[in-house]
Amino acid sequence: KSTYVDIQKLKIQELPEQVPTGEMPRHIAVTLDRHLVGRIMPGAVISASGIYTIQAAAGKPSRLGANSGAVRQPYLRVVGISEATGVGGRMTDTDFTAEEEGKFNQMASDPDFFAKMQRSIAPSIFGH
């Protein structure tokens, strides 16, 4: 039985204002799948997290009939992506609502906050 999954390939690059004068923006291939497909429009400023991987680039076969694999291409298999907000895709003070700021302040004032946070992040790793 075959299972088909939506896949989208993107090429992302540095923001032009972050590139030194006279240089070209660097870029990397990005692969999205399943529920992440179609969430980002061309030209959007994004924040992505994923698995950085190297794959052999397609090339001419060698005398033995196989690809030599000497050229490698990096790519990112995305596991989380969101469109950045604020000016130029950067967070600003106005990106949080007053209610969210209140919750942040409440968490910060809790003396047991660090222990709660520590217990909530991947408890199976710590053997719980």
Foldseek 3Di string as FASTA:
>chain_A
DDDDKDKDKDKDWDDPVVDPPPDDTDIAIEMEIHPVPPPDDPPFAKDFDFDKDKDQDDDDADPVRHDPSPDIGIHGYTPDMDGADDVPSDDDPVPDDPVRVVVVVVLVPDPCNVVVVVCVPPVVVVPD
